Protein backbone atom coordinates (compact mmCIF):
# COMPACT_ATOMS: atom_id res chain seq x y z
CA MET A 1 96.19 52.31 71.69
CA ARG A 2 93.21 52.81 73.95
CA TYR A 3 93.58 51.41 77.47
CA ASN A 4 91.21 48.47 77.85
CA ARG A 5 92.30 46.64 81.00
CA PRO A 6 89.41 46.15 83.44
CA TRP A 7 89.22 47.44 87.02
CA LYS A 8 90.29 44.84 89.59
CA SER A 9 89.36 44.47 93.23
CA PHE A 10 92.13 44.11 95.79
CA HIS A 11 91.49 40.37 95.96
CA GLU A 12 91.74 40.14 92.16
CA GLN A 13 94.99 42.11 92.21
CA LEU A 14 96.44 39.66 94.70
CA GLU A 15 95.28 36.67 92.67
CA LEU A 16 96.91 38.17 89.58
CA LEU A 17 100.24 38.41 91.40
CA LYS A 18 99.95 34.83 92.62
CA SER A 19 99.17 33.64 89.09
CA ARG A 20 102.46 35.19 87.98
CA GLY A 21 104.43 33.24 90.54
CA MET A 22 104.52 35.58 93.54
CA VAL A 23 104.40 33.78 96.88
CA VAL A 24 101.96 35.27 99.40
CA THR A 25 102.45 33.88 102.90
CA ASP A 26 100.05 36.25 104.65
CA GLU A 27 97.08 37.17 102.48
CA ALA A 28 95.49 39.47 105.04
CA ALA A 29 98.69 41.53 105.34
CA ALA A 30 99.14 41.60 101.56
CA LEU A 31 95.58 42.85 101.05
CA ASP A 32 96.16 45.47 103.71
CA TYR A 33 99.19 46.82 101.83
CA LEU A 34 97.33 46.83 98.53
CA GLN A 35 94.55 48.84 100.16
CA ARG A 36 96.85 51.31 101.97
CA VAL A 37 99.75 51.72 99.54
CA GLY A 38 98.29 50.68 96.19
CA TYR A 39 99.12 48.17 93.50
CA TYR A 40 100.99 50.53 91.20
CA ARG A 41 103.13 52.14 93.90
CA LEU A 42 104.17 48.70 95.13
CA SER A 43 104.72 47.50 91.56
CA ALA A 44 107.87 49.67 91.40
CA TYR A 45 109.30 47.47 94.16
CA TRP A 46 108.37 44.07 92.77
CA TYR A 47 109.43 45.10 89.25
CA PRO A 48 113.11 44.08 89.83
CA PHE A 49 111.90 40.58 90.73
CA ARG A 50 110.22 40.07 87.33
CA LYS A 51 111.89 37.97 84.67
CA PHE A 52 113.15 39.65 81.52
CA LYS A 53 113.86 38.46 78.00
CA GLN A 54 115.80 40.00 75.14
CA VAL A 55 113.70 41.22 72.21
CA GLN A 56 114.42 42.91 68.90
CA GLY A 57 114.11 46.69 69.03
CA ILE A 58 112.57 48.94 66.40
CA ASN A 59 116.02 49.88 65.13
CA ALA A 60 117.75 47.05 63.29
CA GLY A 61 120.27 45.21 65.37
CA LYS A 62 119.25 46.83 68.65
CA GLN A 63 118.33 44.43 71.44
CA LEU A 64 116.00 45.45 74.26
CA MET A 65 115.06 43.80 77.55
CA LYS A 66 111.33 43.22 78.02
CA ALA A 67 109.76 42.51 81.40
CA LEU A 68 107.71 39.32 81.52
CA ASN A 69 104.58 38.72 83.57
CA GLN A 70 106.44 36.19 85.63
CA PHE A 71 108.46 36.51 88.83
CA TYR A 72 111.69 34.78 89.75
CA PRO A 73 111.15 31.64 91.84
CA ASN A 74 110.52 32.18 95.56
CA THR A 75 109.70 35.88 95.13
CA GLN A 76 107.44 36.81 98.03
CA PHE A 77 105.05 39.73 98.39
CA VAL A 78 106.92 40.69 101.54
CA ASP A 79 110.12 41.16 99.49
CA ALA A 80 108.50 44.10 97.69
CA VAL A 81 106.99 45.48 100.91
CA ARG A 82 110.33 45.47 102.73
CA LEU A 83 111.98 47.18 99.78
CA TYR A 84 109.23 49.81 99.79
CA LEU A 85 109.70 50.45 103.53
CA PHE A 86 113.47 50.67 103.10
CA ASP A 87 113.02 53.21 100.31
CA LYS A 88 110.57 55.23 102.39
CA GLN A 89 113.12 55.60 105.20
CA LEU A 90 115.81 56.46 102.66
CA ARG A 91 113.67 59.33 101.33
CA LEU A 92 113.02 60.60 104.86
CA GLN A 93 116.76 60.65 105.58
CA ALA A 94 117.38 62.50 102.32
CA MET A 95 114.71 65.08 103.13
CA ASP A 96 116.37 65.73 106.49
CA ALA A 97 119.62 66.64 104.71
CA LEU A 98 117.89 68.62 101.95
CA GLU A 99 116.07 70.78 104.50
CA ARG A 100 119.37 71.74 106.15
CA ILE A 101 120.96 72.48 102.78
CA GLU A 102 118.04 74.56 101.54
CA VAL A 103 117.87 76.64 104.72
CA ALA A 104 121.64 77.23 104.74
CA LEU A 105 121.65 78.27 101.08
CA ARG A 106 118.90 80.79 101.73
CA VAL A 107 121.06 82.38 104.42
CA ASP A 108 124.16 82.27 102.21
CA ILE A 109 122.40 84.05 99.35
CA ALA A 110 120.61 86.64 101.46
CA HIS A 111 123.67 87.50 103.56
CA ARG A 112 125.99 87.96 100.60
CA LEU A 113 123.69 89.82 98.22
CA GLY A 114 121.72 91.72 100.84
CA LYS A 115 124.88 93.50 101.93
CA ARG A 116 125.06 95.15 98.48
CA SER A 117 121.38 95.63 97.79
CA THR A 118 118.31 95.25 100.01
CA PHE A 119 116.30 93.97 97.03
CA ALA A 120 119.19 92.17 95.33
CA HIS A 121 116.98 89.31 94.10
CA LEU A 122 115.01 91.84 92.01
CA ASP A 123 117.89 94.18 91.16
CA PRO A 124 119.14 93.58 87.59
CA GLU A 125 122.50 95.15 88.43
CA GLN A 126 123.15 92.42 91.00
CA LEU A 127 122.45 89.53 88.62
CA HIS A 128 124.06 87.98 85.57
CA PRO A 129 123.41 90.13 82.46
CA SER A 130 122.35 87.17 80.31
CA PHE A 131 119.23 86.64 82.41
CA ILE A 132 118.23 90.26 81.99
CA ARG A 133 118.68 90.45 78.19
CA LYS A 134 117.89 86.98 76.85
CA LYS A 135 114.24 86.49 75.90
CA LEU A 136 112.26 83.25 76.06
CA ARG A 137 109.79 82.07 73.42
CA SER A 138 107.05 83.82 75.37
CA GLY A 139 108.77 87.13 74.68
CA HIS A 140 109.63 87.65 78.34
CA THR A 141 113.14 87.60 79.72
CA ARG A 142 114.13 85.03 82.33
CA PHE A 143 114.40 87.89 84.79
CA GLU A 144 110.78 88.87 84.15
CA LYS A 145 109.67 85.27 84.66
CA TRP A 146 111.72 85.22 87.87
CA GLU A 147 110.00 88.38 89.14
CA GLU A 148 106.63 86.73 88.52
CA LYS A 149 107.74 83.55 90.29
CA CYS A 150 108.98 85.47 93.34
CA LEU A 151 105.69 87.29 93.67
CA ASN A 152 103.72 84.04 93.35
CA LEU A 153 105.84 82.35 96.03
CA GLN A 154 105.29 85.28 98.38
CA ARG A 155 101.53 85.28 97.78
CA ARG A 156 101.32 81.51 98.19
CA SER A 157 103.06 81.53 101.56
CA LYS A 158 100.82 81.15 104.61
CA GLU A 159 103.55 81.97 107.13
CA ASP A 160 102.65 84.55 109.79
CA PHE A 161 105.82 86.57 109.18
CA VAL A 162 104.89 86.89 105.49
CA LYS A 163 101.37 88.08 106.32
CA HIS A 164 102.79 90.55 108.87
CA TYR A 165 105.41 91.92 106.48
CA ARG A 166 102.94 92.26 103.60
CA ALA A 167 100.45 94.10 105.82
CA LYS A 168 103.12 96.50 107.07
CA HIS A 169 105.34 97.00 104.00
CA GLY A 170 103.47 95.72 100.96
CA GLU A 171 104.77 93.26 98.33
CA SER A 172 108.36 94.55 98.18
CA PHE A 173 110.23 92.01 100.33
CA PRO A 174 113.95 92.51 101.06
CA VAL A 175 116.07 89.58 99.96
CA TRP A 176 116.50 88.26 103.52
CA VAL A 177 112.72 88.01 103.85
CA ALA A 178 111.99 86.87 100.29
CA VAL A 179 114.35 83.88 100.48
CA GLU A 180 112.24 82.42 103.28
CA THR A 181 109.38 81.98 100.81
CA TRP A 182 111.52 80.13 98.24
CA ASP A 183 111.50 76.39 97.70
CA PHE A 184 114.59 74.43 96.67
CA GLY A 185 113.80 74.93 93.01
CA ALA A 186 113.75 78.70 93.45
CA VAL A 187 117.03 78.61 95.37
CA SER A 188 118.67 76.57 92.62
CA GLN A 189 117.22 78.81 89.89
CA PHE A 190 118.35 82.01 91.59
CA PHE A 191 121.86 80.66 92.10
CA SER A 192 122.13 80.20 88.31
CA MET A 193 121.03 83.84 87.86
CA MET A 194 123.67 85.29 90.19
CA GLN A 195 126.83 86.97 88.97
CA VAL A 196 129.73 84.60 88.51
CA LYS A 197 131.70 86.21 91.35
CA ASP A 198 128.84 85.40 93.73
CA GLN A 199 128.45 81.87 92.41
CA LYS A 200 132.17 81.32 92.90
CA ALA A 201 132.01 82.61 96.47
CA LEU A 202 129.13 80.30 97.42
CA ALA A 203 130.67 77.31 95.67
CA LYS A 204 133.93 77.95 97.51
CA ARG A 205 132.09 77.98 100.84
CA TYR A 206 131.16 74.36 100.12
CA GLY A 207 134.64 73.44 98.95
CA VAL A 208 133.77 73.25 95.25
CA ASN A 209 136.24 74.98 92.93
CA SER A 210 133.93 75.11 89.92
CA TRP A 211 130.88 77.36 90.21
CA HIS A 212 129.37 75.66 87.17
CA THR A 213 129.73 72.24 88.80
CA PHE A 214 128.16 73.56 91.99
CA GLN A 215 125.28 74.86 89.90
CA THR A 216 124.65 71.33 88.61
CA TRP A 217 124.83 70.01 92.17
CA LEU A 218 122.01 72.29 93.27
CA ARG A 219 119.94 71.40 90.23
CA SER A 220 120.41 67.68 90.93
CA LEU A 221 119.56 68.12 94.61
CA ASN A 222 116.36 69.86 93.57
CA TYR A 223 115.60 66.81 91.42
CA LEU A 224 116.25 64.62 94.47
CA ARG A 225 114.03 66.84 96.61
CA ASN A 226 111.16 66.50 94.12
CA LEU A 227 111.49 62.71 94.09
CA CYS A 228 111.33 62.60 97.88
CA ALA A 229 108.53 65.14 98.20
CA HIS A 230 106.35 63.17 95.78
CA HIS A 231 107.14 59.82 97.47
CA SER A 232 108.72 58.43 94.31
CA ARG A 233 111.00 55.40 94.22
CA LEU A 234 114.56 56.44 94.99
CA TRP A 235 116.90 53.60 95.88
CA ASN A 236 117.77 52.29 92.37
CA ARG A 237 116.41 55.08 90.18
CA ASN A 238 118.18 56.19 87.02
CA VAL A 239 118.95 59.85 87.76
CA VAL A 240 117.72 62.11 84.96
CA ASP A 241 119.32 65.37 86.15
CA GLN A 242 122.87 64.20 86.80
CA PRO A 243 125.46 66.36 88.58
CA SER A 244 128.83 67.22 87.08
CA LEU A 245 132.10 66.25 88.78
CA ALA A 246 134.29 68.51 86.65
CA GLY A 247 136.84 70.44 88.66
CA THR A 248 136.41 68.40 91.84
CA ASN A 249 139.95 67.04 92.02
CA ASN A 250 140.31 68.76 95.39
CA ILE A 251 137.44 66.68 96.82
CA PRO A 252 138.85 63.18 97.47
CA TRP A 253 135.56 61.29 97.61
CA CYS A 254 134.56 62.51 94.13
CA ARG A 255 137.34 60.36 92.66
CA SER A 256 135.30 57.26 93.52
CA PHE A 257 132.73 58.35 90.92
CA ALA A 258 134.88 60.11 88.32
CA GLY A 259 134.50 58.58 84.86
CA LYS A 260 132.04 55.92 86.10
CA GLU A 261 128.83 56.66 84.22
CA ASP A 262 127.00 53.73 85.81
CA LEU A 263 127.57 55.23 89.28
CA ILE A 264 126.89 58.83 88.25
CA ALA A 265 123.50 57.74 86.91
CA ARG A 266 122.43 56.34 90.29
CA PRO A 267 121.14 58.12 93.43
CA PHE A 268 124.01 57.39 95.80
CA LEU A 269 126.08 60.19 94.26
CA LEU A 270 123.30 62.65 95.16
CA LEU A 271 123.35 61.35 98.74
CA ALA A 272 127.14 61.75 98.78
CA ILE A 273 126.69 65.39 97.71
CA CYS A 274 124.19 65.80 100.55
CA ARG A 275 126.77 64.37 102.95
CA HIS A 276 129.42 66.77 101.67
CA MET A 277 127.22 69.83 102.05
CA VAL A 278 125.68 68.88 105.40
CA LYS A 279 129.16 68.29 106.87
CA THR A 280 130.15 71.76 105.63
CA ILE A 281 127.09 73.31 107.24
CA CYS A 282 127.42 71.36 110.49
CA PRO A 283 130.82 69.64 110.91
CA ASP A 284 129.62 67.69 113.97
CA THR A 285 126.61 66.21 112.20
CA GLU A 286 125.72 62.55 112.56
CA TRP A 287 123.45 62.57 109.52
CA HIS A 288 125.85 60.62 107.34
CA ASN A 289 126.17 57.93 110.00
CA ARG A 290 122.40 57.58 110.25
CA LEU A 291 122.18 57.26 106.49
CA ALA A 292 124.93 54.63 106.43
CA GLU A 293 123.03 52.68 109.08
CA GLN A 294 119.90 52.87 106.95
CA MET A 295 121.73 51.64 103.84
CA ARG A 296 123.21 48.72 105.77
CA SER A 297 119.69 47.71 106.77
CA PHE A 298 118.92 46.85 103.15
CA PRO A 299 116.39 44.01 103.37
CA GLU A 300 117.21 40.42 102.54
CA GLN A 301 114.99 38.71 99.99
CA HIS A 302 113.51 35.25 99.60
CA SER A 303 113.61 35.59 95.81
CA GLN A 304 116.21 33.90 93.64
CA ARG A 305 116.70 37.37 92.12
CA THR A 306 119.07 38.94 94.63
CA LEU A 307 119.16 42.70 95.09
CA SER A 308 121.57 44.71 97.23
CA MET A 309 122.26 48.26 98.34
CA MET A 310 125.06 48.33 95.75
CA ASP A 311 122.30 48.74 93.13
CA MET A 312 122.06 52.33 94.39
CA GLY A 313 125.36 53.09 92.65
CA ILE A 314 127.63 52.78 95.67
CA PRO A 315 131.36 52.62 94.84
CA GLU A 316 133.26 49.74 96.37
CA ASP A 317 135.52 52.02 98.44
CA TRP A 318 132.70 54.04 100.00
CA ASN A 319 133.41 52.82 103.52
CA SER A 320 136.90 54.35 103.39
CA TRP A 321 135.61 57.91 103.04
CA TRP A 322 131.95 57.98 104.05
């Protein structure tokens, strides 16, 4: 179907919300937020306050929930704004942890592999054989695609040390220099390409017995990083790239999530993984306490539709181990 909804001014957007039952106590402030943040970004935060009804799905017997163009009674524009601001601070806290994790992983990889080979990240003998042999649909191996990605990351970097190294030594960066041009996605991808003995060693450093599980942790944290970097809604999102908890019996806090698909599909588990890794990197960190303080500041609502921080997928016993 071709999109045929007309353009609306900010005043018209506000009137539309009011016609659907949203209470606006300060029109000037509401218009300011529509102009600065945007209708569709804010719509992710007033969406939970919309009414829903059950409808028949395409498949026989399957019931679906459809959002109505009507808000729960007493829903105020400020309810969505406060939720948006809470989520913004949550993303900033997550990015703080992800930066520490990414930097530490770069050092871990470079220090371990660089001891064996100066150019370990481009040395097939230092990587898992399957990535060298297996070809993609393009006809290239994953290793060849990785080589191309590494070169692109190096060329894209504007850091002075990269310019200096390239001018003096050319494009062949040793692993301890190359890692500093990688983003989280590259770190996660390279970890999956390492030999199992190296994956086991790095996983063990973070107290995870299963290298495969640790691999899923890094992939999920990269997913979290992308959400935060693109300013996407986080607090109650359904996590697409979910981490595994297999083989984590030695990590007590993981038991709070084990077998609970509703919690594993929510973002708090990813924040718990961040906590676990940051405390390994810096045992005296206060990051987890700052995050807990942020979560406890979850805004109250005027709406009859009550939301809470528990919608993030927080297990009931989280205070006992956080």
